[in-house]
Amino acid sequence: MAESVAEEREEQGDRGERDESWVGVLLTGEPLPLDLVNTTYIKGGVRGRLVDALAAGPQDLDSWLAAQRHRFAPEVAAALADAPPAGPAQHQEFLALRRALRSLAGSRTSGGSPDPGAVAVVNTYARTAADWPELAPGPEFRAVVRRAVADPARLALGAVAAAAVELFAGDGAERLRACPAPGCILYFVRTHARRSWCTAGCGNRVRVARHSRRARAE
């Protein structure tokens, strides 16, 4: 059963006050679609438990968006900075996008065909990232950018979905990887030839397991 990241916060509560943008995830800094997918992870390897960093509700979405805000386009980041707290509907939209992205990441890394339902979800939300230039009303010739939606959270949702289209269908899609460590459900982009695992922790666990097997065999 998925557990809220609130438990992670309680376990570390005696370490001092945390930054408000903190989100308890194992892997960050991947492309935004993967960072959203990776908000669910297995803590503890094969015998670990599933943790969902967005499980507590809209407040967890706010924390994730705050942590990622600098990675959005400046106008979207500015809108997020001034946005009111996310609501249940926005939270559910991000969860729906996350499910679709996980499905597509699994298909892309395994060589399978994309699920049509997941494709439809990504495409629907990607449309909310649409923008276009218009001439501003008034006595001067001045261009302004208009957007398909005004809600900051949905602007971010659209940006993540649009980035997913490039991630799964762009030139770098062949570098997308599912971590091969037993019990791991994280995804990453292989940025250099020596990277085989999502994190050093997964690589260390695999090496320790190999060493143990060799020791038992000997």
C-alpha atoms as a PDB file:
ATOM      1  CA  MET A   1       0.000   0.000   0.000  1.00  0.00           C
ATOM      2  CA  ALA A   2       1.264   3.440  -0.875  1.00  0.00           C
ATOM      3  CA  GLU A   3       2.454   5.493   2.073  1.00  0.00           C
ATOM      4  CA  SER A   4       2.497   9.246   2.336  1.00  0.00           C
ATOM      5  CA  VAL A   5       5.726  11.145   2.356  1.00  0.00           C
ATOM      6  CA  ALA A   6       4.475  12.523   5.675  1.00  0.00           C
ATOM      7  CA  GLU A   7       5.929   9.408   7.322  1.00  0.00           C
ATOM      8  CA  GLU A   8       9.315  10.251   5.837  1.00  0.00           C
ATOM      9  CA  ARG A   9       9.063  13.738   7.303  1.00  0.00           C
ATOM     10  CA  GLU A  10       8.201  12.377  10.750  1.00  0.00           C
ATOM     11  CA  GLU A  11      11.181  10.027  10.694  1.00  0.00           C
ATOM     12  CA  GLN A  12      13.489  12.997  10.060  1.00  0.00           C
ATOM     13  CA  GLY A  13      11.661  15.547  12.204  1.00  0.00           C
ATOM     14  CA  ASP A  14      14.477  15.795  14.764  1.00  0.00           C
ATOM     15  CA  ARG A  15      16.965  17.008  12.147  1.00  0.00           C
ATOM     16  CA  GLY A  16      15.733  20.574  12.256  1.00  0.00           C
ATOM     17  CA  GLU A  17      13.325  22.651  10.239  1.00  0.00           C
ATOM     18  CA  ARG A  18      13.073  21.673   6.576  1.00  0.00           C
ATOM     19  CA  ASP A  19      12.975  23.886   3.551  1.00  0.00           C
ATOM     20  CA  GLU A  20       9.355  24.333   2.450  1.00  0.00           C
ATOM     21  CA  SER A  21      10.186  23.061  -1.034  1.00  0.00           C
ATOM     22  CA  TRP A  22      11.433  19.720   0.275  1.00  0.00           C
ATOM     23  CA  VAL A  23       9.830  16.660  -1.270  1.00  0.00           C
ATOM     24  CA  GLY A  24      10.853  13.237  -0.006  1.00  0.00           C
ATOM     25  CA  VAL A  25      11.896  11.490  -3.193  1.00  0.00           C
ATOM     26  CA  LEU A  26      14.953   9.382  -3.924  1.00  0.00           C
ATOM     27  CA  LEU A  27      15.803  10.713  -7.368  1.00  0.00           C
ATOM     28  CA  THR A  28      15.436  14.238  -8.737  1.00  0.00           C
ATOM     29  CA  GLY A  29      16.993  16.225 -11.558  1.00  0.00           C
ATOM     30  CA  GLU A  30      15.718  13.998 -14.358  1.00  0.00           C
ATOM     31  CA  PRO A  31      13.485  15.526 -17.059  1.00  0.00           C
ATOM     32  CA  LEU A  32      10.310  16.912 -15.487  1.00  0.00           C
ATOM     33  CA  PRO A  33       8.072  14.040 -16.683  1.00  0.00           C
ATOM     34  CA  LEU A  34      10.380  11.503 -15.031  1.00  0.00           C
ATOM     35  CA  ASP A  35      10.655  13.565 -11.865  1.00  0.00           C
ATOM     36  CA  LEU A  36       6.866  13.367 -11.643  1.00  0.00           C
ATOM     37  CA  VAL A  37       6.873   9.605 -12.285  1.00  0.00           C
ATOM     38  CA  ASN A  38       9.604   9.145  -9.677  1.00  0.00           C
ATOM     39  CA  THR A  39       7.465  10.615  -6.904  1.00  0.00           C
ATOM     40  CA  THR A  40       6.499   6.985  -6.340  1.00  0.00           C
ATOM     41  CA  TYR A  41       9.349   4.692  -5.371  1.00  0.00           C
ATOM     42  CA  ILE A  42      10.249   1.616  -3.348  1.00  0.00           C
ATOM     43  CA  LYS A  43      12.054   2.386  -0.111  1.00  0.00           C
ATOM     44  CA  GLY A  44      14.310  -0.427   1.006  1.00  0.00           C
ATOM     45  CA  GLY A  45      14.887  -2.451  -2.146  1.00  0.00           C
ATOM     46  CA  VAL A  46      13.221  -5.774  -2.940  1.00  0.00           C
ATOM     47  CA  ARG A  47      11.639  -6.146   0.494  1.00  0.00           C
ATOM     48  CA  GLY A  48      10.863  -2.461   0.808  1.00  0.00           C
ATOM     49  CA  ARG A  49       7.597  -0.580   0.744  1.00  0.00           C
ATOM     50  CA  LEU A  50       5.992   1.674  -1.810  1.00  0.00           C
ATOM     51  CA  VAL A  51       6.153   5.376  -0.946  1.00  0.00           C
ATOM     52  CA  ASP A  52       4.083   8.019  -2.721  1.00  0.00           C
ATOM     53  CA  ALA A  53       5.406  11.544  -2.258  1.00  0.00           C
ATOM     54  CA  LEU A  54       2.094  12.995  -3.483  1.00  0.00           C
ATOM     55  CA  ALA A  55      -0.209  10.774  -1.453  1.00  0.00           C
ATOM     56  CA  ALA A  56      -1.140  13.286   1.248  1.00  0.00           C
ATOM     57  CA  GLY A  57      -3.068  15.485  -1.170  1.00  0.00           C
ATOM     58  CA  PRO A  58      -2.795  18.932  -2.722  1.00  0.00           C
ATOM     59  CA  GLN A  59      -0.264  20.102  -0.139  1.00  0.00           C
ATOM     60  CA  ASP A  60       2.223  17.528  -1.444  1.00  0.00           C
ATOM     61  CA  LEU A  61       1.606  18.744  -4.991  1.00  0.00           C
ATOM     62  CA  ASP A  62       2.345  22.292  -3.811  1.00  0.00           C
ATOM     63  CA  SER A  63       5.639  21.083  -2.307  1.00  0.00           C
ATOM     64  CA  TRP A  64       6.603  19.296  -5.520  1.00  0.00           C
ATOM     65  CA  LEU A  65       5.759  22.303  -7.683  1.00  0.00           C
ATOM     66  CA  ALA A  66       7.714  24.597  -5.368  1.00  0.00           C
ATOM     67  CA  ALA A  67      10.753  22.323  -5.589  1.00  0.00           C
ATOM     68  CA  GLN A  68      10.514  22.173  -9.383  1.00  0.00           C
ATOM     69  CA  ARG A  69       9.418  25.758 -10.044  1.00  0.00           C
ATOM     70  CA  HIS A  70      12.811  26.943 -11.264  1.00  0.00           C
ATOM     71  CA  ARG A  71      12.703  24.388 -14.076  1.00  0.00           C
ATOM     72  CA  PHE A  72       9.603  25.803 -15.763  1.00  0.00           C
ATOM     73  CA  ALA A  73       9.569  28.663 -18.254  1.00  0.00           C
ATOM     74  CA  PRO A  74       9.972  31.999 -16.454  1.00  0.00           C
ATOM     75  CA  GLU A  75       6.377  33.096 -16.965  1.00  0.00           C
ATOM     76  CA  VAL A  76       5.050  29.751 -15.681  1.00  0.00           C
ATOM     77  CA  ALA A  77       7.428  29.852 -12.726  1.00  0.00           C
ATOM     78  CA  ALA A  78       6.266  33.374 -11.891  1.00  0.00           C
ATOM     79  CA  ALA A  79       2.627  32.293 -12.065  1.00  0.00           C
ATOM     80  CA  LEU A  80       3.342  29.360  -9.760  1.00  0.00           C
ATOM     81  CA  ALA A  81       5.098  31.624  -7.276  1.00  0.00           C
ATOM     82  CA  ASP A  82       1.956  33.754  -6.957  1.00  0.00           C
ATOM     83  CA  ALA A  83      -0.544  30.901  -7.192  1.00  0.00           C
ATOM     84  CA  PRO A  84      -2.987  29.979  -4.410  1.00  0.00           C
ATOM     85  CA  PRO A  85      -2.691  26.491  -2.920  1.00  0.00           C
ATOM     86  CA  ALA A  86      -3.583  23.656  -5.268  1.00  0.00           C
ATOM     87  CA  GLY A  87      -6.996  22.055  -4.908  1.00  0.00           C
ATOM     88  CA  PRO A  88      -8.214  18.447  -5.114  1.00  0.00           C
ATOM     89  CA  ALA A  89      -9.019  18.707  -8.838  1.00  0.00           C
ATOM     90  CA  GLN A  90      -5.512  19.872  -9.700  1.00  0.00           C
ATOM     91  CA  HIS A  91      -4.017  17.161  -7.515  1.00  0.00           C
ATOM     92  CA  GLN A  92      -6.051  14.483  -9.287  1.00  0.00           C
ATOM     93  CA  GLU A  93      -4.976  15.790 -12.697  1.00  0.00           C
ATOM     94  CA  PHE A  94      -1.311  15.452 -11.761  1.00  0.00           C
ATOM     95  CA  LEU A  95      -1.927  11.933 -10.463  1.00  0.00           C
ATOM     96  CA  ALA A  96      -3.662  11.023 -13.735  1.00  0.00           C
ATOM     97  CA  LEU A  97      -0.744  12.422 -15.715  1.00  0.00           C
ATOM     98  CA  ARG A  98       1.712  10.532 -13.525  1.00  0.00           C
ATOM     99  CA  ARG A  99      -0.090   7.231 -14.161  1.00  0.00           C
ATOM    100  CA  ALA A 100      -0.042   7.888 -17.903  1.00  0.00           C
ATOM    101  CA  LEU A 101       3.645   8.824 -17.875  1.00  0.00           C
ATOM    102  CA  ARG A 102       4.594   5.692 -15.922  1.00  0.00           C
ATOM    103  CA  SER A 103       2.709   3.559 -18.420  1.00  0.00           C
ATOM    104  CA  LEU A 104       4.431   5.224 -21.372  1.00  0.00           C
ATOM    105  CA  ALA A 105       7.864   5.072 -19.740  1.00  0.00           C
ATOM    106  CA  GLY A 106       7.381   1.349 -19.190  1.00  0.00           C
ATOM    107  CA  SER A 107       6.380   0.813 -22.812  1.00  0.00           C
ATOM    108  CA  ARG A 108       9.203   2.983 -24.149  1.00  0.00           C
ATOM    109  CA  THR A 109      11.921   1.221 -22.164  1.00  0.00           C
ATOM    110  CA  SER A 110      10.593  -2.287 -22.837  1.00  0.00           C
ATOM    111  CA  GLY A 111      10.024  -1.822 -26.560  1.00  0.00           C
ATOM    112  CA  GLY A 112       6.256  -2.133 -26.265  1.00  0.00           C
ATOM    113  CA  SER A 113       3.517  -0.108 -27.915  1.00  0.00           C
ATOM    114  CA  PRO A 114       2.148   2.889 -26.019  1.00  0.00           C
ATOM    115  CA  ASP A 115      -1.202   2.436 -24.313  1.00  0.00           C
ATOM    116  CA  PRO A 116      -3.803   4.511 -26.209  1.00  0.00           C
ATOM    117  CA  GLY A 117      -5.409   5.690 -22.985  1.00  0.00           C
ATOM    118  CA  ALA A 118      -2.095   6.952 -21.627  1.00  0.00           C
ATOM    119  CA  VAL A 119      -1.377   8.693 -24.931  1.00  0.00           C
ATOM    120  CA  ALA A 120      -4.777  10.403 -24.781  1.00  0.00           C
ATOM    121  CA  VAL A 121      -4.123  11.690 -21.250  1.00  0.00           C
ATOM    122  CA  VAL A 122      -0.735  13.144 -22.173  1.00  0.00           C
ATOM    123  CA  ASN A 123      -2.066  14.718 -25.345  1.00  0.00           C
ATOM    124  CA  THR A 124      -5.054  16.247 -23.551  1.00  0.00           C
ATOM    125  CA  TYR A 125      -2.872  17.889 -20.929  1.00  0.00           C
ATOM    126  CA  ALA A 126      -0.186  18.899 -23.440  1.00  0.00           C
ATOM    127  CA  ARG A 127      -2.775  21.081 -25.160  1.00  0.00           C
ATOM    128  CA  THR A 128      -2.992  23.220 -22.023  1.00  0.00           C
ATOM    129  CA  ALA A 129       0.619  24.265 -22.674  1.00  0.00           C
ATOM    130  CA  ALA A 130      -0.393  26.020 -25.899  1.00  0.00           C
ATOM    131  CA  ASP A 131       0.484  29.697 -26.251  1.00  0.00           C
ATOM    132  CA  TRP A 132       0.509  32.187 -29.067  1.00  0.00           C
ATOM    133  CA  PRO A 133       1.437  35.846 -29.685  1.00  0.00           C
ATOM    134  CA  GLU A 134      -1.161  38.530 -30.073  1.00  0.00           C
ATOM    135  CA  LEU A 135      -1.068  42.250 -30.606  1.00  0.00           C
ATOM    136  CA  ALA A 136      -1.969  43.940 -27.353  1.00  0.00           C
ATOM    137  CA  PRO A 137      -4.840  46.421 -27.437  1.00  0.00           C
ATOM    138  CA  GLY A 138      -3.842  50.031 -27.157  1.00  0.00           C
ATOM    139  CA  PRO A 139      -2.174  52.836 -29.113  1.00  0.00           C
ATOM    140  CA  GLU A 140       1.175  51.048 -29.547  1.00  0.00           C
ATOM    141  CA  PHE A 141       2.255  47.992 -31.488  1.00  0.00           C
ATOM    142  CA  ARG A 142       3.123  45.608 -28.689  1.00  0.00           C
ATOM    143  CA  ALA A 143       3.131  41.813 -28.676  1.00  0.00           C
ATOM    144  CA  VAL A 144       1.806  39.785 -25.760  1.00  0.00           C
ATOM    145  CA  VAL A 145       1.714  36.036 -25.190  1.00  0.00           C
ATOM    146  CA  ARG A 146      -1.667  34.455 -24.547  1.00  0.00           C
ATOM    147  CA  ARG A 147      -2.081  30.987 -23.056  1.00  0.00           C
ATOM    148  CA  ALA A 148      -4.742  28.330 -23.410  1.00  0.00           C
ATOM    149  CA  VAL A 149      -5.344  28.267 -19.638  1.00  0.00           C
ATOM    150  CA  ALA A 150      -4.811  30.765 -16.845  1.00  0.00           C
ATOM    151  CA  ASP A 151      -4.552  28.456 -13.825  1.00  0.00           C
ATOM    152  CA  PRO A 152      -0.853  28.217 -12.802  1.00  0.00           C
ATOM    153  CA  ALA A 153      -1.081  24.571 -11.753  1.00  0.00           C
ATOM    154  CA  ARG A 154      -2.618  23.617 -15.088  1.00  0.00           C
ATOM    155  CA  LEU A 155       0.057  25.622 -16.894  1.00  0.00           C
ATOM    156  CA  ALA A 156       2.629  23.475 -15.092  1.00  0.00           C
ATOM    157  CA  LEU A 157       0.620  20.336 -15.864  1.00  0.00           C
ATOM    158  CA  GLY A 158       0.666  21.217 -19.549  1.00  0.00           C
ATOM    159  CA  ALA A 159       4.382  21.953 -19.486  1.00  0.00           C
ATOM    160  CA  VAL A 160       5.118  18.537 -17.975  1.00  0.00           C
ATOM    161  CA  ALA A 161       2.894  16.794 -20.518  1.00  0.00           C
ATOM    162  CA  ALA A 162       4.451  18.678 -23.440  1.00  0.00           C
ATOM    163  CA  ALA A 163       7.915  17.796 -22.149  1.00  0.00           C
ATOM    164  CA  ALA A 164       6.833  14.147 -22.067  1.00  0.00           C
ATOM    165  CA  VAL A 165       6.068  14.230 -25.784  1.00  0.00           C
ATOM    166  CA  GLU A 166       9.653  15.308 -26.461  1.00  0.00           C
ATOM    167  CA  LEU A 167      11.024  12.811 -23.942  1.00  0.00           C
ATOM    168  CA  PHE A 168       9.267   9.784 -25.422  1.00  0.00           C
ATOM    169  CA  ALA A 169       9.387  10.743 -29.101  1.00  0.00           C
ATOM    170  CA  GLY A 170      12.439  13.010 -29.356  1.00  0.00           C
ATOM    171  CA  ASP A 171      16.005  12.353 -30.404  1.00  0.00           C
ATOM    172  CA  GLY A 172      17.122  11.411 -26.889  1.00  0.00           C
ATOM    173  CA  ALA A 173      14.390   8.865 -26.225  1.00  0.00           C
ATOM    174  CA  GLU A 174      16.791   5.944 -26.682  1.00  0.00           C
ATOM    175  CA  ARG A 175      18.641   7.030 -23.544  1.00  0.00           C
ATOM    176  CA  LEU A 176      15.564   6.559 -21.364  1.00  0.00           C
ATOM    177  CA  ARG A 177      16.078   3.704 -18.897  1.00  0.00           C
ATOM    178  CA  ALA A 178      14.157   1.797 -16.261  1.00  0.00           C
ATOM    179  CA  CYS A 179      16.479   1.134 -13.343  1.00  0.00           C
ATOM    180  CA  PRO A 180      17.441  -2.568 -13.552  1.00  0.00           C
ATOM    181  CA  ALA A 181      18.006  -2.955  -9.800  1.00  0.00           C
ATOM    182  CA  PRO A 182      15.629  -5.538  -8.277  1.00  0.00           C
ATOM    183  CA  GLY A 183      12.770  -3.834  -6.490  1.00  0.00           C
ATOM    184  CA  CYS A 184      13.368  -0.414  -8.071  1.00  0.00           C
ATOM    185  CA  ILE A 185      10.627   1.323 -10.066  1.00  0.00           C
ATOM    186  CA  LEU A 186      12.469   4.542 -10.963  1.00  0.00           C
ATOM    187  CA  TYR A 187      13.287   5.858 -14.441  1.00  0.00           C
ATOM    188  CA  PHE A 188      16.219   7.943 -15.600  1.00  0.00           C
ATOM    189  CA  VAL A 189      17.922   9.273 -18.714  1.00  0.00           C
ATOM    190  CA  ARG A 190      21.340   7.750 -19.254  1.00  0.00           C
ATOM    191  CA  THR A 191      23.452  10.863 -19.632  1.00  0.00           C
ATOM    192  CA  HIS A 192      26.796   9.042 -19.820  1.00  0.00           C
ATOM    193  CA  ALA A 193      27.937   5.550 -20.753  1.00  0.00           C
ATOM    194  CA  ARG A 194      28.977   4.545 -17.245  1.00  0.00           C
ATOM    195  CA  ARG A 195      25.602   5.195 -15.679  1.00  0.00           C
ATOM    196  CA  SER A 196      23.730   1.928 -15.180  1.00  0.00           C
ATOM    197  CA  TRP A 197      21.500   2.685 -12.188  1.00  0.00           C
ATOM    198  CA  CYS A 198      19.078   5.408 -11.168  1.00  0.00           C
ATOM    199  CA  THR A 199      21.147   6.209  -8.056  1.00  0.00           C
ATOM    200  CA  ALA A 200      24.371   5.073  -6.449  1.00  0.00           C
ATOM    201  CA  GLY A 201      22.240   3.401  -3.778  1.00  0.00           C
ATOM    202  CA  CYS A 202      20.755   0.951  -6.273  1.00  0.00           C
ATOM    203  CA  GLY A 203      24.190   0.191  -7.713  1.00  0.00           C
ATOM    204  CA  ASN A 204      25.580  -0.457  -4.245  1.00  0.00           C
ATOM    205  CA  ARG A 205      22.724  -2.806  -3.347  1.00  0.00           C
ATOM    206  CA  VAL A 206      23.252  -4.826  -6.524  1.00  0.00           C
ATOM    207  CA  ARG A 207      27.008  -5.077  -5.912  1.00  0.00           C
ATOM    208  CA  VAL A 208      26.495  -6.153  -2.294  1.00  0.00           C
ATOM    209  CA  ALA A 209      23.996  -8.800  -3.405  1.00  0.00           C
ATOM    210  CA  ARG A 210      26.439 -10.127  -6.001  1.00  0.00           C
ATOM    211  CA  HIS A 211      29.217 -10.281  -3.418  1.00  0.00           C
ATOM    212  CA  SER A 212      26.949 -12.172  -1.021  1.00  0.00           C
ATOM    213  CA  ARG A 213      26.006 -14.695  -3.675  1.00  0.00           C
ATOM    214  CA  ARG A 214      29.657 -15.290  -4.534  1.00  0.00           C
ATOM    215  CA  ALA A 215      30.551 -15.702  -0.876  1.00  0.00           C
ATOM    216  CA  ARG A 216      27.800 -18.276  -0.377  1.00  0.00           C
ATOM    217  CA  ALA A 217      28.817 -20.134  -3.507  1.00  0.00           C
ATOM    218  CA  GLU A 218      32.426 -20.334  -2.312  1.00  0.00           C
END
